[in-house]
């Protein structure tokens, strides 16, 4: 089934795009059309930031008791769980994730959401401490403001929600920028958050290429950038944010190393490393692809031996 979106999701509503372009998402497996979505122009970014800014500066979300924000996110997790199989199939169609991997990610999303909810319930939002030289100090954790969350395509829902859950629980408003390769699956998150009770203005979801994405990063109405993706793109974002002294969090691609002890079963180790190096067709940021075993290698300590293989 082809899924076609003609409108942007801005502030909880579907609105006409302000740019002329759209994007087709085709399956890497057979080239079939998965769906279409608008490509954001700078004017769409301006609108989304204006809406998010107003919702943060004047709206109810940052001013709600934490317990009420938790209730909204918990409702979202229930709604999401009911459609998790559908979403897993959609992600597989979009970016070619093996069906077993996409299904496994859904279990991770469930646990991830519960972890953020538990953390929010026990987080020290307001703490009284002994002052110096006397008296009492009150430490209050407040939302940072408008957050631009920029995600990759390899595990789109998991990474999107890893940014949305903490930002929303803290009381921020968010603009989620989807990767063009997976421009369809993220569209469904907006309606689910609205159905869960997220107020108008708090969340916008857009698709954009590099130039417009950089415009979002440098927009003066954005207070914080959260990015997951390549090291090169992260370096660029850090430089742009740094020029404005803007807060930024980066989760960048890497080649993870495995430590292999000399008493390990090599057959089992190789099989485990094969699995951990190539899940999701090798398209994961934690792939253990810097590992090796050299037969007959002598190391100074029998329990502290490792070598590295570049795959």
C-alpha atoms as a PDB file:
ATOM      1  CA  UNK A   1       0.000   0.000   0.000  1.00  0.00           C
ATOM      2  CA  UNK A   2       1.420   3.370  -1.036  1.00  0.00           C
ATOM      3  CA  UNK A   3       1.181   6.032   1.664  1.00  0.00           C
ATOM      4  CA  UNK A   4       1.021   9.573   0.338  1.00  0.00           C
ATOM      5  CA  UNK A   5       1.209  12.661   2.540  1.00  0.00           C
ATOM      6  CA  UNK A   6       0.428  16.014   0.940  1.00  0.00           C
ATOM      7  CA  UNK A   7       0.657  18.181   4.052  1.00  0.00           C
ATOM      8  CA  UNK A   8       3.273  18.953   6.672  1.00  0.00           C
ATOM      9  CA  UNK A   9       2.684  18.205  10.329  1.00  0.00           C
ATOM     10  CA  UNK A  10       3.255  21.480  12.168  1.00  0.00           C
ATOM     11  CA  UNK A  11       2.205  22.116  15.740  1.00  0.00           C
ATOM     12  CA  UNK A  12      -0.211  19.207  15.833  1.00  0.00           C
ATOM     13  CA  UNK A  13      -2.009  20.005  12.576  1.00  0.00           C
ATOM     14  CA  UNK A  14      -1.681  19.089   8.912  1.00  0.00           C
ATOM     15  CA  UNK A  15      -0.965  22.261   6.935  1.00  0.00           C
ATOM     16  CA  UNK A  16      -0.209  23.025   3.307  1.00  0.00           C
ATOM     17  CA  UNK A  17       3.519  22.990   2.525  1.00  0.00           C
ATOM     18  CA  UNK A  18       5.052  26.355   1.669  1.00  0.00           C
ATOM     19  CA  UNK A  19       7.552  24.878  -0.791  1.00  0.00           C
ATOM     20  CA  UNK A  20       6.904  23.194  -4.150  1.00  0.00           C
ATOM     21  CA  UNK A  21       8.942  20.009  -3.700  1.00  0.00           C
ATOM     22  CA  UNK A  22       8.030  16.541  -2.507  1.00  0.00           C
ATOM     23  CA  UNK A  23       9.980  13.324  -2.168  1.00  0.00           C
ATOM     24  CA  UNK A  24       9.333   9.744  -3.204  1.00  0.00           C
ATOM     25  CA  UNK A  25      10.453   6.968  -0.873  1.00  0.00           C
ATOM     26  CA  UNK A  26      11.192   3.722  -2.703  1.00  0.00           C
ATOM     27  CA  UNK A  27      12.031   0.358  -1.232  1.00  0.00           C
ATOM     28  CA  UNK A  28      15.743  -0.516  -1.558  1.00  0.00           C
ATOM     29  CA  UNK A  29      14.633  -4.133  -1.940  1.00  0.00           C
ATOM     30  CA  UNK A  30      12.642  -3.911  -5.157  1.00  0.00           C
ATOM     31  CA  UNK A  31      12.324  -0.214  -5.987  1.00  0.00           C
ATOM     32  CA  UNK A  32       8.585  -0.164  -5.306  1.00  0.00           C
ATOM     33  CA  UNK A  33       7.020   3.107  -4.211  1.00  0.00           C
ATOM     34  CA  UNK A  34       6.451   3.199  -0.455  1.00  0.00           C
ATOM     35  CA  UNK A  35       5.050   6.713  -0.290  1.00  0.00           C
ATOM     36  CA  UNK A  36       5.489  10.430  -0.837  1.00  0.00           C
ATOM     37  CA  UNK A  37       5.856  13.400   1.499  1.00  0.00           C
ATOM     38  CA  UNK A  38       6.502  17.138   1.178  1.00  0.00           C
ATOM     39  CA  UNK A  39      10.053  18.453   1.382  1.00  0.00           C
ATOM     40  CA  UNK A  40      10.305  21.385   3.733  1.00  0.00           C
ATOM     41  CA  UNK A  41      11.389  24.771   2.457  1.00  0.00           C
ATOM     42  CA  UNK A  42      12.881  27.492   4.648  1.00  0.00           C
ATOM     43  CA  UNK A  43       9.418  29.026   4.982  1.00  0.00           C
ATOM     44  CA  UNK A  44       8.136  25.749   6.477  1.00  0.00           C
ATOM     45  CA  UNK A  45      10.991  25.837   8.992  1.00  0.00           C
ATOM     46  CA  UNK A  46      10.120  29.426   9.912  1.00  0.00           C
ATOM     47  CA  UNK A  47       6.503  28.445  10.487  1.00  0.00           C
ATOM     48  CA  UNK A  48       7.396  25.398  12.591  1.00  0.00           C
ATOM     49  CA  UNK A  49       9.841  27.390  14.740  1.00  0.00           C
ATOM     50  CA  UNK A  50       7.331  30.212  15.237  1.00  0.00           C
ATOM     51  CA  UNK A  51       4.673  27.729  16.339  1.00  0.00           C
ATOM     52  CA  UNK A  52       7.085  25.907  18.667  1.00  0.00           C
ATOM     53  CA  UNK A  53       8.372  29.193  20.095  1.00  0.00           C
ATOM     54  CA  UNK A  54       4.862  30.405  20.898  1.00  0.00           C
ATOM     55  CA  UNK A  55       3.891  27.048  22.417  1.00  0.00           C
ATOM     56  CA  UNK A  56       6.952  27.162  24.651  1.00  0.00           C
ATOM     57  CA  UNK A  57       6.758  30.816  25.628  1.00  0.00           C
ATOM     58  CA  UNK A  58       3.001  30.991  26.135  1.00  0.00           C
ATOM     59  CA  UNK A  59       1.497  27.502  26.022  1.00  0.00           C
ATOM     60  CA  UNK A  60       0.577  25.041  28.757  1.00  0.00           C
ATOM     61  CA  UNK A  61       3.071  22.225  28.065  1.00  0.00           C
ATOM     62  CA  UNK A  62       6.173  23.639  29.825  1.00  0.00           C
ATOM     63  CA  UNK A  63       3.987  24.770  32.730  1.00  0.00           C
ATOM     64  CA  UNK A  64       2.178  21.477  33.326  1.00  0.00           C
ATOM     65  CA  UNK A  65       2.989  19.416  36.390  1.00  0.00           C
ATOM     66  CA  UNK A  66       5.460  16.721  35.414  1.00  0.00           C
ATOM     67  CA  UNK A  67       2.904  14.050  36.291  1.00  0.00           C
ATOM     68  CA  UNK A  68       0.574  15.371  33.585  1.00  0.00           C
ATOM     69  CA  UNK A  69       3.309  15.282  30.953  1.00  0.00           C
ATOM     70  CA  UNK A  70       4.152  11.737  32.007  1.00  0.00           C
ATOM     71  CA  UNK A  71       0.496  10.750  31.559  1.00  0.00           C
ATOM     72  CA  UNK A  72       0.518  12.041  27.958  1.00  0.00           C
ATOM     73  CA  UNK A  73       3.706  10.169  27.064  1.00  0.00           C
ATOM     74  CA  UNK A  74       2.397   6.989  28.705  1.00  0.00           C
ATOM     75  CA  UNK A  75      -0.786   7.266  26.640  1.00  0.00           C
ATOM     76  CA  UNK A  76       1.347   7.648  23.522  1.00  0.00           C
ATOM     77  CA  UNK A  77       3.316   4.484  24.337  1.00  0.00           C
ATOM     78  CA  UNK A  78       0.038   2.560  24.628  1.00  0.00           C
ATOM     79  CA  UNK A  79      -1.195   3.866  21.292  1.00  0.00           C
ATOM     80  CA  UNK A  80       2.143   3.126  19.666  1.00  0.00           C
ATOM     81  CA  UNK A  81       2.306  -0.432  21.011  1.00  0.00           C
ATOM     82  CA  UNK A  82      -1.058  -1.201  19.419  1.00  0.00           C
ATOM     83  CA  UNK A  83       0.407  -0.424  15.988  1.00  0.00           C
ATOM     84  CA  UNK A  84       3.958  -1.651  16.503  1.00  0.00           C
ATOM     85  CA  UNK A  85       3.684  -4.503  13.988  1.00  0.00           C
ATOM     86  CA  UNK A  86       2.409  -2.120  11.303  1.00  0.00           C
ATOM     87  CA  UNK A  87       5.271   0.282  11.979  1.00  0.00           C
ATOM     88  CA  UNK A  88       7.881  -2.478  11.867  1.00  0.00           C
ATOM     89  CA  UNK A  89       6.658  -3.535   8.427  1.00  0.00           C
ATOM     90  CA  UNK A  90       6.666   0.057   7.201  1.00  0.00           C
ATOM     91  CA  UNK A  91      10.273   0.626   8.312  1.00  0.00           C
ATOM     92  CA  UNK A  92      11.310  -2.598   6.558  1.00  0.00           C
ATOM     93  CA  UNK A  93       9.627  -1.408   3.365  1.00  0.00           C
ATOM     94  CA  UNK A  94      11.247   2.023   3.561  1.00  0.00           C
ATOM     95  CA  UNK A  95      14.870   1.243   4.327  1.00  0.00           C
ATOM     96  CA  UNK A  96      15.243  -2.511   3.924  1.00  0.00           C
ATOM     97  CA  UNK A  97      15.690  -3.567   7.537  1.00  0.00           C
ATOM     98  CA  UNK A  98      15.321  -7.336   7.918  1.00  0.00           C
ATOM     99  CA  UNK A  99      11.869  -8.137   9.278  1.00  0.00           C
ATOM    100  CA  UNK A 100      13.300  -9.776  12.402  1.00  0.00           C
ATOM    101  CA  UNK A 101      15.410  -6.678  13.135  1.00  0.00           C
ATOM    102  CA  UNK A 102      12.523  -4.259  12.678  1.00  0.00           C
ATOM    103  CA  UNK A 103      10.407  -6.408  15.021  1.00  0.00           C
ATOM    104  CA  UNK A 104      13.207  -6.525  17.604  1.00  0.00           C
ATOM    105  CA  UNK A 105      13.489  -2.738  17.524  1.00  0.00           C
ATOM    106  CA  UNK A 106       9.825  -2.503  18.498  1.00  0.00           C
ATOM    107  CA  UNK A 107      10.591  -4.360  21.729  1.00  0.00           C
ATOM    108  CA  UNK A 108      13.473  -1.955  22.322  1.00  0.00           C
ATOM    109  CA  UNK A 109      11.160   1.018  21.779  1.00  0.00           C
ATOM    110  CA  UNK A 110       8.745  -0.340  24.378  1.00  0.00           C
ATOM    111  CA  UNK A 111      11.502  -0.750  26.960  1.00  0.00           C
ATOM    112  CA  UNK A 112      13.039   2.590  26.016  1.00  0.00           C
ATOM    113  CA  UNK A 113       9.762   4.409  26.579  1.00  0.00           C
ATOM    114  CA  UNK A 114       9.247   2.801  29.976  1.00  0.00           C
ATOM    115  CA  UNK A 115      12.804   3.718  30.980  1.00  0.00           C
ATOM    116  CA  UNK A 116      12.206   7.396  30.206  1.00  0.00           C
ATOM    117  CA  UNK A 117       8.895   7.376  32.061  1.00  0.00           C
ATOM    118  CA  UNK A 118      10.508   5.813  35.117  1.00  0.00           C
ATOM    119  CA  UNK A 119      13.364   8.312  34.981  1.00  0.00           C
ATOM    120  CA  UNK A 120      10.922  11.228  34.769  1.00  0.00           C
ATOM    121  CA  UNK A 121       8.943   9.945  37.748  1.00  0.00           C
ATOM    122  CA  UNK A 122      12.062   9.864  39.939  1.00  0.00           C
ATOM    123  CA  UNK A 123      14.028  12.761  38.475  1.00  0.00           C
ATOM    124  CA  UNK A 124      14.946  15.542  40.978  1.00  0.00           C
ATOM    125  CA  UNK A 125      13.076  18.334  39.184  1.00  0.00           C
ATOM    126  CA  UNK A 126      13.302  20.555  42.264  1.00  0.00           C
ATOM    127  CA  UNK A 127      15.814  20.077  45.063  1.00  0.00           C
ATOM    128  CA  UNK A 128      16.447  22.058  48.245  1.00  0.00           C
ATOM    129  CA  UNK A 129      20.065  22.229  49.355  1.00  0.00           C
ATOM    130  CA  UNK A 130      21.962  23.898  52.118  1.00  0.00           C
ATOM    131  CA  UNK A 131      23.104  27.317  50.967  1.00  0.00           C
ATOM    132  CA  UNK A 132      26.477  28.977  51.391  1.00  0.00           C
ATOM    133  CA  UNK A 133      27.377  30.507  53.746  1.00  0.00           C
ATOM    134  CA  UNK A 134      23.886  29.952  55.194  1.00  0.00           C
ATOM    135  CA  UNK A 135      20.252  29.578  54.253  1.00  0.00           C
ATOM    136  CA  UNK A 136      18.693  27.248  51.685  1.00  0.00           C
ATOM    137  CA  UNK A 137      19.159  27.026  47.918  1.00  0.00           C
ATOM    138  CA  UNK A 138      16.474  25.678  45.587  1.00  0.00           C
ATOM    139  CA  UNK A 139      17.702  23.931  42.434  1.00  0.00           C
ATOM    140  CA  UNK A 140      15.035  23.823  39.713  1.00  0.00           C
ATOM    141  CA  UNK A 141      15.428  21.915  36.443  1.00  0.00           C
ATOM    142  CA  UNK A 142      13.589  23.712  33.662  1.00  0.00           C
ATOM    143  CA  UNK A 143      13.033  22.891  29.969  1.00  0.00           C
ATOM    144  CA  UNK A 144      15.644  24.399  27.668  1.00  0.00           C
ATOM    145  CA  UNK A 145      13.148  25.652  25.071  1.00  0.00           C
ATOM    146  CA  UNK A 146      12.661  24.775  21.401  1.00  0.00           C
ATOM    147  CA  UNK A 147      14.544  21.624  20.400  1.00  0.00           C
ATOM    148  CA  UNK A 148      15.468  20.632  16.851  1.00  0.00           C
ATOM    149  CA  UNK A 149      15.795  16.814  16.755  1.00  0.00           C
ATOM    150  CA  UNK A 150      17.537  15.513  13.619  1.00  0.00           C
ATOM    151  CA  UNK A 151      17.574  11.767  13.027  1.00  0.00           C
ATOM    152  CA  UNK A 152      19.029   9.203  10.580  1.00  0.00           C
ATOM    153  CA  UNK A 153      17.238   6.523   8.611  1.00  0.00           C
ATOM    154  CA  UNK A 154      18.597   3.229   9.960  1.00  0.00           C
ATOM    155  CA  UNK A 155      16.284   2.887  13.012  1.00  0.00           C
ATOM    156  CA  UNK A 156      13.986   5.859  12.495  1.00  0.00           C
ATOM    157  CA  UNK A 157      11.293   5.350  15.132  1.00  0.00           C
ATOM    158  CA  UNK A 158      13.702   4.219  17.835  1.00  0.00           C
ATOM    159  CA  UNK A 159      16.023   7.194  17.364  1.00  0.00           C
ATOM    160  CA  UNK A 160      13.139   9.668  16.970  1.00  0.00           C
ATOM    161  CA  UNK A 161      11.529   8.561  20.223  1.00  0.00           C
ATOM    162  CA  UNK A 162      14.885   8.513  22.024  1.00  0.00           C
ATOM    163  CA  UNK A 163      14.932  12.263  21.365  1.00  0.00           C
ATOM    164  CA  UNK A 164      11.230  13.032  21.700  1.00  0.00           C
ATOM    165  CA  UNK A 165      10.568  11.278  25.005  1.00  0.00           C
ATOM    166  CA  UNK A 166      13.138  13.135  27.156  1.00  0.00           C
ATOM    167  CA  UNK A 167      12.604  16.496  25.453  1.00  0.00           C
ATOM    168  CA  UNK A 168       8.831  16.336  25.826  1.00  0.00           C
ATOM    169  CA  UNK A 169       8.939  15.000  29.383  1.00  0.00           C
ATOM    170  CA  UNK A 170      11.172  17.932  30.300  1.00  0.00           C
ATOM    171  CA  UNK A 171       8.586  20.347  28.880  1.00  0.00           C
ATOM    172  CA  UNK A 172      10.348  21.358  25.663  1.00  0.00           C
ATOM    173  CA  UNK A 173       8.699  21.896  22.316  1.00  0.00           C
ATOM    174  CA  UNK A 174      10.236  19.943  19.445  1.00  0.00           C
ATOM    175  CA  UNK A 175      10.749  20.066  15.691  1.00  0.00           C
ATOM    176  CA  UNK A 176      11.582  16.562  14.477  1.00  0.00           C
ATOM    177  CA  UNK A 177      13.507  16.519  11.188  1.00  0.00           C
ATOM    178  CA  UNK A 178      13.174  13.188   9.373  1.00  0.00           C
ATOM    179  CA  UNK A 179      15.726  11.717   6.994  1.00  0.00           C
ATOM    180  CA  UNK A 180      14.530  11.807   3.366  1.00  0.00           C
ATOM    181  CA  UNK A 181      15.206   8.051   3.059  1.00  0.00           C
ATOM    182  CA  UNK A 182      12.543   7.380   5.717  1.00  0.00           C
ATOM    183  CA  UNK A 183      10.185  10.269   5.171  1.00  0.00           C
ATOM    184  CA  UNK A 184       7.011   8.228   5.654  1.00  0.00           C
ATOM    185  CA  UNK A 185       7.122   6.323   8.956  1.00  0.00           C
ATOM    186  CA  UNK A 186       7.748   9.425  11.073  1.00  0.00           C
ATOM    187  CA  UNK A 187       4.593  11.073   9.757  1.00  0.00           C
ATOM    188  CA  UNK A 188       2.494   8.741  11.909  1.00  0.00           C
ATOM    189  CA  UNK A 189       4.138   9.826  15.156  1.00  0.00           C
ATOM    190  CA  UNK A 190       2.525  13.250  15.003  1.00  0.00           C
ATOM    191  CA  UNK A 191      -1.051  12.038  14.974  1.00  0.00           C
ATOM    192  CA  UNK A 192      -0.346   9.541  17.749  1.00  0.00           C
ATOM    193  CA  UNK A 193       1.091  12.244  20.001  1.00  0.00           C
ATOM    194  CA  UNK A 194      -1.922  14.459  19.290  1.00  0.00           C
ATOM    195  CA  UNK A 195      -4.278  11.585  20.081  1.00  0.00           C
ATOM    196  CA  UNK A 196      -2.387  11.032  23.325  1.00  0.00           C
ATOM    197  CA  UNK A 197      -3.150  14.613  24.391  1.00  0.00           C
ATOM    198  CA  UNK A 198      -0.058  16.580  23.394  1.00  0.00           C
ATOM    199  CA  UNK A 199      -1.171  20.234  23.161  1.00  0.00           C
ATOM    200  CA  UNK A 200      -1.162  22.158  19.901  1.00  0.00           C
ATOM    201  CA  UNK A 201       2.142  23.693  18.925  1.00  0.00           C
ATOM    202  CA  UNK A 202       4.379  21.346  20.879  1.00  0.00           C
ATOM    203  CA  UNK A 203       5.495  19.015  18.062  1.00  0.00           C
ATOM    204  CA  UNK A 204       6.232  19.500  14.383  1.00  0.00           C
ATOM    205  CA  UNK A 205       7.568  16.847  11.985  1.00  0.00           C
ATOM    206  CA  UNK A 206       9.279  17.813   8.727  1.00  0.00           C
ATOM    207  CA  UNK A 207      11.429  16.247   6.007  1.00  0.00           C
ATOM    208  CA  UNK A 208      14.340  18.236   4.618  1.00  0.00           C
ATOM    209  CA  UNK A 209      17.567  17.966   2.670  1.00  0.00           C
ATOM    210  CA  UNK A 210      20.896  19.366   3.862  1.00  0.00           C
ATOM    211  CA  UNK A 211      20.510  23.060   3.034  1.00  0.00           C
ATOM    212  CA  UNK A 212      17.148  23.414   4.748  1.00  0.00           C
ATOM    213  CA  UNK A 213      18.323  21.230   7.649  1.00  0.00           C
ATOM    214  CA  UNK A 214      21.217  23.624   8.208  1.00  0.00           C
ATOM    215  CA  UNK A 215      18.735  26.489   8.179  1.00  0.00           C
ATOM    216  CA  UNK A 216      16.891  24.748  11.011  1.00  0.00           C
ATOM    217  CA  UNK A 217      20.129  24.267  12.970  1.00  0.00           C
ATOM    218  CA  UNK A 218      21.039  27.945  12.708  1.00  0.00           C
ATOM    219  CA  UNK A 219      17.538  29.336  13.220  1.00  0.00           C
ATOM    220  CA  UNK A 220      17.628  31.891  16.058  1.00  0.00           C
ATOM    221  CA  UNK A 221      14.370  30.547  17.466  1.00  0.00           C
ATOM    222  CA  UNK A 222      15.887  27.116  18.172  1.00  0.00           C
ATOM    223  CA  UNK A 223      17.535  26.689  21.584  1.00  0.00           C
ATOM    224  CA  UNK A 224      18.953  23.165  21.395  1.00  0.00           C
ATOM    225  CA  UNK A 225      20.036  20.702  18.695  1.00  0.00           C
ATOM    226  CA  UNK A 226      19.902  16.944  19.133  1.00  0.00           C
ATOM    227  CA  UNK A 227      21.522  15.023  16.267  1.00  0.00           C
ATOM    228  CA  UNK A 228      22.162  11.372  15.491  1.00  0.00           C
ATOM    229  CA  UNK A 229      24.018  10.538  12.301  1.00  0.00           C
ATOM    230  CA  UNK A 230      27.378  10.606  10.593  1.00  0.00           C
ATOM    231  CA  UNK A 231      30.541  12.036  12.093  1.00  0.00           C
ATOM    232  CA  UNK A 232      30.945  14.437   9.152  1.00  0.00           C
ATOM    233  CA  UNK A 233      27.429  15.827   9.549  1.00  0.00           C
ATOM    234  CA  UNK A 234      27.876  16.017  13.327  1.00  0.00           C
ATOM    235  CA  UNK A 235      31.060  18.026  12.898  1.00  0.00           C
ATOM    236  CA  UNK A 236      29.250  20.449  10.627  1.00  0.00           C
ATOM    237  CA  UNK A 237      26.345  20.834  13.061  1.00  0.00           C
ATOM    238  CA  UNK A 238      28.722  21.358  15.987  1.00  0.00           C
ATOM    239  CA  UNK A 239      30.493  24.153  14.106  1.00  0.00           C
ATOM    240  CA  UNK A 240      27.216  25.851  13.180  1.00  0.00           C
ATOM    241  CA  UNK A 241      25.839  25.563  16.707  1.00  0.00           C
ATOM    242  CA  UNK A 242      29.128  26.623  18.242  1.00  0.00           C
ATOM    243  CA  UNK A 243      29.158  29.833  16.228  1.00  0.00           C
ATOM    244  CA  UNK A 244      25.897  30.745  17.993  1.00  0.00           C
ATOM    245  CA  UNK A 245      26.871  29.275  21.381  1.00  0.00           C
ATOM    246  CA  UNK A 246      23.825  27.030  20.960  1.00  0.00           C
ATOM    247  CA  UNK A 247      23.457  23.832  22.966  1.00  0.00           C
ATOM    248  CA  UNK A 248      24.008  20.647  20.983  1.00  0.00           C
ATOM    249  CA  UNK A 249      24.043  16.906  21.684  1.00  0.00           C
ATOM    250  CA  UNK A 250      25.666  14.578  19.149  1.00  0.00           C
ATOM    251  CA  UNK A 251      25.424  10.803  18.737  1.00  0.00           C
ATOM    252  CA  UNK A 252      27.724   9.996  15.848  1.00  0.00           C
ATOM    253  CA  UNK A 253      28.563   6.934  13.806  1.00  0.00           C
ATOM    254  CA  UNK A 254      31.436   4.702  14.830  1.00  0.00           C
ATOM    255  CA  UNK A 255      33.140   1.346  14.558  1.00  0.00           C
ATOM    256  CA  UNK A 256      32.810  -0.431  17.871  1.00  0.00           C
ATOM    257  CA  UNK A 257      35.567  -2.674  19.190  1.00  0.00           C
ATOM    258  CA  UNK A 258      35.199  -6.079  20.821  1.00  0.00           C
ATOM    259  CA  UNK A 259      37.649  -7.386  23.416  1.00  0.00           C
ATOM    260  CA  UNK A 260      38.326 -11.102  23.023  1.00  0.00           C
ATOM    261  CA  UNK A 261      39.974 -12.939  25.926  1.00  0.00           C
ATOM    262  CA  UNK A 262      42.387 -15.761  25.156  1.00  0.00           C
ATOM    263  CA  UNK A 263      40.236 -18.436  26.790  1.00  0.00           C
ATOM    264  CA  UNK A 264      37.217 -17.605  24.636  1.00  0.00           C
ATOM    265  CA  UNK A 265      35.646 -20.213  22.368  1.00  0.00           C
ATOM    266  CA  UNK A 266      36.756 -18.856  19.003  1.00  0.00           C
ATOM    267  CA  UNK A 267      33.952 -20.502  17.036  1.00  0.00           C
ATOM    268  CA  UNK A 268      31.290 -18.981  19.255  1.00  0.00           C
ATOM    269  CA  UNK A 269      33.115 -15.658  19.294  1.00  0.00           C
ATOM    270  CA  UNK A 270      33.309 -15.429  15.514  1.00  0.00           C
ATOM    271  CA  UNK A 271      29.626 -16.278  15.200  1.00  0.00           C
ATOM    272  CA  UNK A 272      28.727 -13.641  17.813  1.00  0.00           C
ATOM    273  CA  UNK A 273      30.867 -11.028  16.083  1.00  0.00           C
ATOM    274  CA  UNK A 274      29.334 -11.881  12.717  1.00  0.00           C
ATOM    275  CA  UNK A 275      25.920 -11.231  14.211  1.00  0.00           C
ATOM    276  CA  UNK A 276      26.991  -8.038  15.990  1.00  0.00           C
ATOM    277  CA  UNK A 277      28.831  -6.672  12.975  1.00  0.00           C
ATOM    278  CA  UNK A 278      26.044  -7.034  10.432  1.00  0.00           C
ATOM    279  CA  UNK A 279      22.621  -6.555  12.059  1.00  0.00           C
ATOM    280  CA  UNK A 280      20.243  -4.399  10.046  1.00  0.00           C
ATOM    281  CA  UNK A 281      22.389  -5.187   6.983  1.00  0.00           C
ATOM    282  CA  UNK A 282      25.370  -3.706   8.812  1.00  0.00           C
ATOM    283  CA  UNK A 283      23.618  -0.338   9.082  1.00  0.00           C
ATOM    284  CA  UNK A 284      23.984   0.306  12.816  1.00  0.00           C
ATOM    285  CA  UNK A 285      26.167   2.723  14.737  1.00  0.00           C
ATOM    286  CA  UNK A 286      27.200   0.055  17.259  1.00  0.00           C
ATOM    287  CA  UNK A 287      28.391  -2.560  14.759  1.00  0.00           C
ATOM    288  CA  UNK A 288      31.380  -4.381  16.243  1.00  0.00           C
ATOM    289  CA  UNK A 289      33.570  -4.165  13.164  1.00  0.00           C
ATOM    290  CA  UNK A 290      36.966  -3.589  14.784  1.00  0.00           C
ATOM    291  CA  UNK A 291      37.788  -7.090  15.987  1.00  0.00           C
ATOM    292  CA  UNK A 292      40.343  -9.828  15.297  1.00  0.00           C
ATOM    293  CA  UNK A 293      41.859 -13.043  16.461  1.00  0.00           C
ATOM    294  CA  UNK A 294      45.373 -14.047  15.571  1.00  0.00           C
ATOM    295  CA  UNK A 295      46.056 -17.734  16.017  1.00  0.00           C
ATOM    296  CA  UNK A 296      49.064 -18.395  18.221  1.00  0.00           C
ATOM    297  CA  UNK A 297      49.371 -14.801  19.358  1.00  0.00           C
ATOM    298  CA  UNK A 298      51.261 -14.413  22.622  1.00  0.00           C
ATOM    299  CA  UNK A 299      50.248 -11.657  24.975  1.00  0.00           C
ATOM    300  CA  UNK A 300      51.835 -10.662  28.289  1.00  0.00           C
ATOM    301  CA  UNK A 301      48.774 -11.431  30.402  1.00  0.00           C
ATOM    302  CA  UNK A 302      46.537 -14.496  29.888  1.00  0.00           C
ATOM    303  CA  UNK A 303      43.330 -12.560  30.744  1.00  0.00           C
ATOM    304  CA  UNK A 304      44.059  -9.253  29.051  1.00  0.00           C
ATOM    305  CA  UNK A 305      44.491  -9.957  25.413  1.00  0.00           C
ATOM    306  CA  UNK A 306      42.857  -8.369  22.485  1.00  0.00           C
ATOM    307  CA  UNK A 307      43.618  -7.456  18.912  1.00  0.00           C
ATOM    308  CA  UNK A 308      41.767  -5.411  16.362  1.00  0.00           C
ATOM    309  CA  UNK A 309      40.683  -6.302  12.857  1.00  0.00           C
ATOM    310  CA  UNK A 310      39.445  -3.625  10.476  1.00  0.00           C
ATOM    311  CA  UNK A 311      36.541  -5.036   8.513  1.00  0.00           C
END
